[in-house]
Structures are given as C-alpha cells and as structure tokens.
Amino acid sequence: MRILASPKCFAIKETRSFPGSAAELLALAGAIVAELGGKPPRKPAAVGELRAEFNKSVGGTAFGNRVHLIVRASDDATVVGGGAVGAGAAGGGGAAVLSVEAYPIDPLGKPLLFGVIGEPARLVTTALWARLAARLAPVVR
C-alpha cells in the first residue's frame, strides 16, 4: 500500500480579525515575526503581505523542519463588533483581517511533500497568534 501526502496536509491556513488598520497590524506582525526569528525570504512579498522563513526554530523552540510563513492583511468593514479576538468597534476604529498560511519547506524553499517531523507550521502560527493577542490585549475588550 502506498500512501501519498500532499503539501496541503502539512499547511496551516487561518484567518482572524483584530481591531485597527491592516497596515498597523501588518507592521506589528512583521515586528513579531522578527522577534520569533523569522528571516525574509529571497523572493520579495507583495503589497499587503509579509513573508518569512523560520530555520528550524521559533522563539527559541526548536523543531525539525524549516517553515515558510505568509501573512496577509486587509481592512474589513464587515468585521466591526465580532472578530475572533475582539471587537473592532470598541476603540472607535475599524477592524482588519489577518490571514496566515504556513507550511514546511526544504532547504531550497520548496514545500515539503513528505518527511515532516512533528507540526512545525502549527508551532509557528500558534506563536504568532499568541504574541499578537498579547500585544493587542490592552486594546481588546
């Protein structure tokens, strides 16, 4: 019996809403990614997007594979008052949506199709969401 795994099964895709503008949240996410040890990849990111690669560790926690992280931010007027982490209307400002995609990569930056050790993409996204929530905690009510 031969079992084939696609890279999609190792990928993590999540979306959450936060109070504030997309530009502010993307800048904050960039600072957090740098704190966690993410490095910019060779390929430049598009406007409204942040890309980083983690070389087998995130925030001092080691894991077995490299991870590519993509964070996209967009302003969303429909999210006011009921986001996943807080209400956007509480501070009088709008809300923004952050979408995160993370997947394990090989040393050349290509998605891994097999041989993934543990859940490295989950570790990276969990660390990012936790730090974002902690930074925005005084704002979230």
N, C-alpha and C. Protein backbone atom coordinates (compact mmCIF):
# COMPACT_ATOMS: atom_id res chain seq x y z
N MET A 1 0.85 -1.18 0.00
CA MET A 1 0.00 0.00 0.00
C MET A 1 0.89 1.23 0.00
N ARG A 2 0.59 2.15 -0.86
CA ARG A 2 1.36 3.38 -0.98
C ARG A 2 0.51 4.57 -0.56
N ILE A 3 1.00 5.33 0.39
CA ILE A 3 0.27 6.50 0.88
C ILE A 3 1.02 7.75 0.45
N LEU A 4 0.36 8.59 -0.27
CA LEU A 4 0.96 9.85 -0.71
C LEU A 4 0.33 11.00 0.06
N ALA A 5 1.16 11.87 0.54
CA ALA A 5 0.66 13.05 1.26
C ALA A 5 0.93 14.28 0.43
N SER A 6 -0.05 15.11 0.29
CA SER A 6 0.15 16.36 -0.44
C SER A 6 0.68 17.41 0.53
N PRO A 7 1.34 18.46 0.03
CA PRO A 7 1.83 19.51 0.92
C PRO A 7 0.70 20.23 1.63
N LYS A 8 -0.51 20.14 1.10
CA LYS A 8 -1.65 20.81 1.73
C LYS A 8 -1.95 20.25 3.11
N CYS A 9 -1.65 18.95 3.34
CA CYS A 9 -1.98 18.38 4.64
C CYS A 9 -1.03 18.89 5.72
N PHE A 10 0.14 19.41 5.35
CA PHE A 10 1.07 19.96 6.32
C PHE A 10 0.88 21.46 6.50
N ALA A 11 0.11 22.08 5.62
CA ALA A 11 -0.07 23.53 5.64
C ALA A 11 -1.13 23.94 6.66
N ILE A 12 -0.93 25.10 7.22
CA ILE A 12 -1.88 25.70 8.15
C ILE A 12 -2.38 26.99 7.51
N LYS A 13 -3.70 27.13 7.42
CA LYS A 13 -4.31 28.37 6.92
C LYS A 13 -5.35 28.82 7.94
N GLU A 14 -5.16 30.02 8.46
CA GLU A 14 -6.08 30.56 9.46
C GLU A 14 -6.31 32.04 9.20
N THR A 15 -7.47 32.51 9.61
CA THR A 15 -7.82 33.92 9.48
C THR A 15 -8.44 34.39 10.78
N ARG A 16 -8.01 35.55 11.23
CA ARG A 16 -8.58 36.15 12.44
C ARG A 16 -8.72 37.65 12.25
N SER A 17 -9.66 38.22 12.96
CA SER A 17 -9.86 39.67 12.86
C SER A 17 -9.38 40.35 14.14
N PHE A 18 -8.88 41.56 13.96
CA PHE A 18 -8.35 42.35 15.06
C PHE A 18 -8.77 43.80 14.87
N PRO A 19 -8.84 44.57 15.96
CA PRO A 19 -9.11 46.00 15.82
C PRO A 19 -7.90 46.71 15.25
N GLY A 20 -8.12 47.74 14.47
CA GLY A 20 -7.03 48.51 13.90
C GLY A 20 -7.01 48.40 12.39
N SER A 21 -6.05 49.08 11.79
CA SER A 21 -5.95 49.05 10.33
C SER A 21 -5.05 47.90 9.88
N ALA A 22 -5.18 47.54 8.64
CA ALA A 22 -4.38 46.46 8.08
C ALA A 22 -2.90 46.82 8.09
N ALA A 23 -2.58 48.06 7.78
CA ALA A 23 -1.17 48.49 7.76
C ALA A 23 -0.54 48.39 9.15
N GLU A 24 -1.28 48.80 10.18
CA GLU A 24 -0.77 48.72 11.55
C GLU A 24 -0.55 47.27 11.97
N LEU A 25 -1.52 46.41 11.66
CA LEU A 25 -1.40 45.01 12.04
C LEU A 25 -0.28 44.30 11.29
N LEU A 26 -0.09 44.65 10.03
CA LEU A 26 0.98 44.04 9.25
C LEU A 26 2.35 44.47 9.79
N ALA A 27 2.46 45.73 10.19
CA ALA A 27 3.71 46.21 10.79
C ALA A 27 3.97 45.51 12.12
N LEU A 28 2.94 45.34 12.93
CA LEU A 28 3.08 44.64 14.20
C LEU A 28 3.44 43.17 13.97
N ALA A 29 2.79 42.54 13.01
CA ALA A 29 3.11 41.14 12.69
C ALA A 29 4.56 41.03 12.22
N GLY A 30 5.04 41.99 11.45
CA GLY A 30 6.43 41.98 10.99
C GLY A 30 7.41 42.06 12.15
N ALA A 31 7.10 42.91 13.12
CA ALA A 31 7.96 43.02 14.30
C ALA A 31 7.95 41.72 15.11
N ILE A 32 6.80 41.11 15.24
CA ILE A 32 6.69 39.86 15.98
C ILE A 32 7.42 38.73 15.26
N VAL A 33 7.28 38.66 13.96
CA VAL A 33 7.98 37.63 13.18
C VAL A 33 9.49 37.78 13.35
N ALA A 34 9.99 39.01 13.35
CA ALA A 34 11.43 39.24 13.56
C ALA A 34 11.84 38.79 14.96
N GLU A 35 11.02 39.07 15.98
CA GLU A 35 11.30 38.63 17.35
C GLU A 35 11.35 37.11 17.45
N LEU A 36 10.49 36.45 16.71
CA LEU A 36 10.42 34.99 16.76
C LEU A 36 11.54 34.32 15.97
N GLY A 37 12.29 35.09 15.21
CA GLY A 37 13.42 34.53 14.47
C GLY A 37 13.17 34.32 12.99
N GLY A 38 12.09 34.88 12.46
CA GLY A 38 11.81 34.75 11.03
C GLY A 38 12.71 35.64 10.20
N LYS A 39 13.15 35.12 9.08
CA LYS A 39 14.01 35.87 8.16
C LYS A 39 13.26 36.09 6.85
N PRO A 40 13.46 37.24 6.21
CA PRO A 40 12.80 37.47 4.92
C PRO A 40 13.34 36.49 3.87
N PRO A 41 12.47 35.95 3.04
CA PRO A 41 12.92 35.02 2.01
C PRO A 41 13.58 35.75 0.84
N ARG A 42 14.13 34.98 -0.08
CA ARG A 42 14.78 35.57 -1.25
C ARG A 42 13.77 36.25 -2.16
N LYS A 43 12.57 35.71 -2.23
CA LYS A 43 11.52 36.26 -3.09
C LYS A 43 10.79 37.39 -2.35
N PRO A 44 10.67 38.59 -2.94
CA PRO A 44 10.00 39.69 -2.24
C PRO A 44 8.49 39.44 -2.10
N ALA A 45 7.93 40.04 -1.07
CA ALA A 45 6.50 39.89 -0.80
C ALA A 45 5.70 40.94 -1.57
N ALA A 46 4.44 40.65 -1.80
CA ALA A 46 3.54 41.58 -2.47
C ALA A 46 3.09 42.65 -1.47
N VAL A 47 2.42 43.67 -1.98
CA VAL A 47 1.89 44.73 -1.13
C VAL A 47 0.79 44.13 -0.24
N GLY A 48 0.80 44.49 1.04
CA GLY A 48 -0.19 43.96 1.97
C GLY A 48 0.11 42.54 2.41
N GLU A 49 1.36 42.12 2.24
CA GLU A 49 1.74 40.75 2.54
C GLU A 49 3.12 40.74 3.20
N LEU A 50 3.30 39.81 4.11
CA LEU A 50 4.57 39.63 4.80
C LEU A 50 4.97 38.17 4.63
N ARG A 51 6.21 37.94 4.23
CA ARG A 51 6.72 36.57 4.09
C ARG A 51 7.96 36.41 4.96
N ALA A 52 8.09 35.23 5.55
CA ALA A 52 9.27 34.94 6.37
C ALA A 52 9.53 33.44 6.35
N GLU A 53 10.79 33.11 6.60
CA GLU A 53 11.18 31.71 6.71
C GLU A 53 11.79 31.50 8.08
N PHE A 54 11.40 30.41 8.71
CA PHE A 54 11.91 30.03 10.02
C PHE A 54 12.81 28.81 9.82
N ASN A 55 14.05 28.91 10.28
CA ASN A 55 15.03 27.85 10.09
C ASN A 55 15.07 26.94 11.31
N LYS A 56 14.10 26.08 11.42
CA LYS A 56 14.04 25.02 12.43
C LYS A 56 13.90 25.51 13.87
N SER A 57 13.47 26.76 14.07
CA SER A 57 13.18 27.23 15.42
C SER A 57 12.27 28.45 15.35
N VAL A 58 11.49 28.61 16.40
CA VAL A 58 10.63 29.78 16.53
C VAL A 58 10.66 30.22 17.98
N GLY A 59 11.10 31.45 18.22
CA GLY A 59 11.16 31.99 19.57
C GLY A 59 11.97 31.16 20.53
N GLY A 60 13.03 30.50 20.05
CA GLY A 60 13.87 29.68 20.91
C GLY A 60 13.43 28.22 21.01
N THR A 61 12.28 27.87 20.47
CA THR A 61 11.81 26.49 20.48
C THR A 61 12.21 25.82 19.17
N ALA A 62 13.00 24.76 19.29
CA ALA A 62 13.49 24.07 18.09
C ALA A 62 12.47 23.04 17.60
N PHE A 63 12.44 22.87 16.27
CA PHE A 63 11.63 21.82 15.66
C PHE A 63 12.39 21.29 14.45
N GLY A 64 11.88 20.27 13.80
CA GLY A 64 12.65 19.52 12.82
C GLY A 64 12.69 20.03 11.40
N ASN A 65 11.86 20.98 11.02
CA ASN A 65 11.81 21.41 9.63
C ASN A 65 11.80 22.92 9.52
N ARG A 66 12.17 23.42 8.36
CA ARG A 66 12.05 24.84 8.06
C ARG A 66 10.59 25.13 7.73
N VAL A 67 10.17 26.37 7.97
CA VAL A 67 8.77 26.75 7.72
C VAL A 67 8.73 28.07 6.98
N HIS A 68 7.87 28.14 5.96
CA HIS A 68 7.61 29.38 5.23
C HIS A 68 6.29 29.95 5.74
N LEU A 69 6.29 31.21 6.12
CA LEU A 69 5.10 31.87 6.67
C LEU A 69 4.70 33.01 5.76
N ILE A 70 3.40 33.10 5.47
CA ILE A 70 2.84 34.20 4.70
C ILE A 70 1.73 34.83 5.53
N VAL A 71 1.82 36.13 5.76
CA VAL A 71 0.79 36.87 6.50
C VAL A 71 0.22 37.92 5.55
N ARG A 72 -1.10 37.90 5.38
CA ARG A 72 -1.78 38.88 4.54
C ARG A 72 -2.73 39.69 5.42
N ALA A 73 -2.78 40.98 5.17
CA ALA A 73 -3.66 41.85 5.96
C ALA A 73 -4.57 42.62 5.02
N SER A 74 -5.82 42.78 5.47
CA SER A 74 -6.76 43.59 4.70
C SER A 74 -7.74 44.25 5.66
N ASP A 75 -8.14 45.46 5.31
CA ASP A 75 -9.16 46.15 6.10
C ASP A 75 -10.50 45.52 5.78
N ASP A 76 -11.33 45.36 6.81
CA ASP A 76 -12.62 44.72 6.60
C ASP A 76 -13.67 45.45 7.42
N ALA A 77 -14.50 46.21 6.76
CA ALA A 77 -15.55 46.97 7.44
C ALA A 77 -16.66 46.08 7.96
N THR A 78 -16.80 44.86 7.45
CA THR A 78 -17.88 43.97 7.88
C THR A 78 -17.57 43.26 9.18
N VAL A 79 -16.33 43.34 9.68
CA VAL A 79 -15.94 42.60 10.87
C VAL A 79 -16.19 43.39 12.14
N VAL A 80 -16.56 44.65 12.04
CA VAL A 80 -16.72 45.50 13.21
C VAL A 80 -17.70 44.88 14.19
N GLY A 81 -17.20 44.67 15.43
CA GLY A 81 -18.06 44.18 16.50
C GLY A 81 -18.05 42.70 16.72
N GLY A 82 -17.41 41.89 15.91
CA GLY A 82 -17.47 40.46 16.17
C GLY A 82 -16.31 39.67 15.65
N GLY A 83 -15.11 40.11 15.94
CA GLY A 83 -13.93 39.40 15.46
C GLY A 83 -13.62 38.18 16.31
N ALA A 84 -12.66 37.41 15.87
CA ALA A 84 -12.26 36.20 16.58
C ALA A 84 -11.54 36.53 17.87
N VAL A 85 -10.88 37.70 17.92
CA VAL A 85 -10.11 38.04 19.10
C VAL A 85 -10.68 39.25 19.82
N GLY A 86 -11.45 40.04 19.16
CA GLY A 86 -12.00 41.20 19.85
C GLY A 86 -12.92 42.01 18.96
N ALA A 87 -13.55 42.97 19.55
CA ALA A 87 -14.48 43.81 18.82
C ALA A 87 -13.76 45.00 18.23
N GLY A 88 -13.97 45.24 16.98
CA GLY A 88 -13.30 46.35 16.31
C GLY A 88 -13.91 47.69 16.66
N ALA A 89 -15.15 47.73 17.05
CA ALA A 89 -15.83 48.99 17.31
C ALA A 89 -15.51 49.54 18.69
N ALA A 90 -14.87 48.76 19.54
CA ALA A 90 -14.63 49.19 20.91
C ALA A 90 -13.77 50.44 20.99
N GLY A 91 -12.76 50.54 20.11
CA GLY A 91 -11.88 51.70 20.15
C GLY A 91 -12.30 52.79 19.19
N GLY A 92 -13.42 52.61 18.51
CA GLY A 92 -13.88 53.61 17.58
C GLY A 92 -13.29 53.44 16.19
N GLY A 93 -12.28 52.57 16.05
CA GLY A 93 -11.65 52.35 14.75
C GLY A 93 -12.29 51.18 14.04
N GLY A 94 -11.75 50.88 12.89
CA GLY A 94 -12.25 49.75 12.12
C GLY A 94 -11.58 48.47 12.55
N ALA A 95 -11.81 47.46 11.75
CA ALA A 95 -11.20 46.16 12.02
C ALA A 95 -10.41 45.74 10.80
N ALA A 96 -9.46 44.88 11.03
CA ALA A 96 -8.66 44.33 9.94
C ALA A 96 -8.61 42.82 10.10
N VAL A 97 -8.39 42.16 9.00
CA VAL A 97 -8.33 40.70 8.99
C VAL A 97 -6.90 40.29 8.65
N LEU A 98 -6.34 39.40 9.46
CA LEU A 98 -5.04 38.82 9.17
C LEU A 98 -5.24 37.38 8.75
N SER A 99 -4.70 37.01 7.62
CA SER A 99 -4.73 35.63 7.15
C SER A 99 -3.31 35.10 7.18
N VAL A 100 -3.15 33.93 7.76
CA VAL A 100 -1.83 33.33 7.90
C VAL A 100 -1.81 32.00 7.17
N GLU A 101 -0.75 31.78 6.42
CA GLU A 101 -0.51 30.50 5.78
C GLU A 101 0.92 30.09 6.12
N ALA A 102 1.09 28.87 6.61
CA ALA A 102 2.42 28.37 6.96
C ALA A 102 2.54 26.93 6.49
N TYR A 103 3.71 26.59 5.96
CA TYR A 103 3.95 25.22 5.52
C TYR A 103 5.44 24.91 5.60
N PRO A 104 5.78 23.64 5.83
CA PRO A 104 7.19 23.25 5.91
C PRO A 104 7.84 23.28 4.52
N ILE A 105 9.11 23.68 4.50
CA ILE A 105 9.85 23.77 3.24
C ILE A 105 11.18 23.02 3.36
N ASP A 106 11.76 22.72 2.19
CA ASP A 106 13.08 22.11 2.16
C ASP A 106 14.13 23.22 2.15
N PRO A 107 15.43 22.89 2.16
CA PRO A 107 16.46 23.94 2.19
C PRO A 107 16.44 24.87 0.97
N LEU A 108 15.82 24.44 -0.13
CA LEU A 108 15.74 25.30 -1.31
C LEU A 108 14.49 26.18 -1.32
N GLY A 109 13.62 26.03 -0.32
CA GLY A 109 12.42 26.84 -0.22
C GLY A 109 11.19 26.24 -0.87
N LYS A 110 11.27 24.99 -1.30
CA LYS A 110 10.13 24.32 -1.92
C LYS A 110 9.31 23.61 -0.85
N PRO A 111 7.98 23.57 -1.00
CA PRO A 111 7.14 22.88 0.00
C PRO A 111 7.53 21.41 0.13
N LEU A 112 7.56 20.94 1.38
CA LEU A 112 7.87 19.53 1.63
C LEU A 112 6.66 18.67 1.31
N LEU A 113 6.90 17.58 0.63
CA LEU A 113 5.84 16.64 0.28
C LEU A 113 5.80 15.45 1.23
N PHE A 114 6.90 15.20 1.94
CA PHE A 114 6.97 14.09 2.88
C PHE A 114 8.11 14.37 3.85
N GLY A 115 8.19 13.56 4.90
CA GLY A 115 9.29 13.68 5.84
C GLY A 115 9.17 14.82 6.83
N VAL A 116 7.97 15.31 7.05
CA VAL A 116 7.78 16.40 8.01
C VAL A 116 7.80 15.82 9.42
N ILE A 117 8.60 16.43 10.28
CA ILE A 117 8.76 15.96 11.65
C ILE A 117 7.89 16.83 12.55
N GLY A 118 6.91 16.23 13.20
CA GLY A 118 6.02 16.98 14.09
C GLY A 118 5.08 17.90 13.32
N GLU A 119 4.75 19.01 13.93
CA GLU A 119 3.86 20.00 13.33
C GLU A 119 4.55 21.37 13.36
N PRO A 120 5.57 21.57 12.56
CA PRO A 120 6.30 22.85 12.62
C PRO A 120 5.46 24.05 12.22
N ALA A 121 4.59 23.90 11.23
CA ALA A 121 3.75 25.03 10.81
C ALA A 121 2.80 25.44 11.93
N ARG A 122 2.27 24.48 12.65
CA ARG A 122 1.37 24.78 13.77
C ARG A 122 2.14 25.52 14.87
N LEU A 123 3.38 25.15 15.15
CA LEU A 123 4.17 25.84 16.17
C LEU A 123 4.39 27.31 15.80
N VAL A 124 4.68 27.57 14.53
CA VAL A 124 4.92 28.94 14.09
C VAL A 124 3.64 29.77 14.18
N THR A 125 2.53 29.24 13.67
CA THR A 125 1.29 30.02 13.70
C THR A 125 0.79 30.24 15.13
N THR A 126 0.92 29.24 15.98
CA THR A 126 0.50 29.39 17.37
C THR A 126 1.32 30.47 18.07
N ALA A 127 2.63 30.48 17.84
CA ALA A 127 3.48 31.51 18.45
C ALA A 127 3.11 32.90 17.94
N LEU A 128 2.83 33.02 16.65
CA LEU A 128 2.44 34.32 16.08
C LEU A 128 1.13 34.81 16.66
N TRP A 129 0.11 33.96 16.68
CA TRP A 129 -1.20 34.38 17.22
C TRP A 129 -1.09 34.74 18.70
N ALA A 130 -0.32 33.97 19.46
CA ALA A 130 -0.19 34.25 20.90
C ALA A 130 0.47 35.61 21.14
N ARG A 131 1.52 35.91 20.40
CA ARG A 131 2.19 37.20 20.57
C ARG A 131 1.32 38.36 20.10
N LEU A 132 0.58 38.16 19.01
CA LEU A 132 -0.34 39.21 18.55
C LEU A 132 -1.40 39.50 19.59
N ALA A 133 -2.00 38.44 20.14
CA ALA A 133 -3.03 38.62 21.17
C ALA A 133 -2.46 39.31 22.41
N ALA A 134 -1.25 38.95 22.79
CA ALA A 134 -0.63 39.57 23.96
C ALA A 134 -0.34 41.05 23.72
N ARG A 135 0.14 41.40 22.53
CA ARG A 135 0.43 42.79 22.20
C ARG A 135 -0.84 43.63 22.12
N LEU A 136 -1.92 43.02 21.63
CA LEU A 136 -3.16 43.76 21.45
C LEU A 136 -4.07 43.65 22.67
N ALA A 137 -3.68 42.94 23.70
CA ALA A 137 -4.52 42.71 24.88
C ALA A 137 -5.04 44.00 25.51
N PRO A 138 -4.22 45.06 25.67
CA PRO A 138 -4.77 46.27 26.25
C PRO A 138 -5.86 46.91 25.37
N VAL A 139 -5.81 46.65 24.07
CA VAL A 139 -6.77 47.24 23.15
C VAL A 139 -8.04 46.41 23.08
N VAL A 140 -7.91 45.08 23.17
CA VAL A 140 -9.06 44.17 23.06
C VAL A 140 -9.84 44.20 24.36
N ARG A 141 -11.16 44.32 24.24
CA ARG A 141 -12.00 44.36 25.44
C ARG A 141 -13.05 43.31 25.38
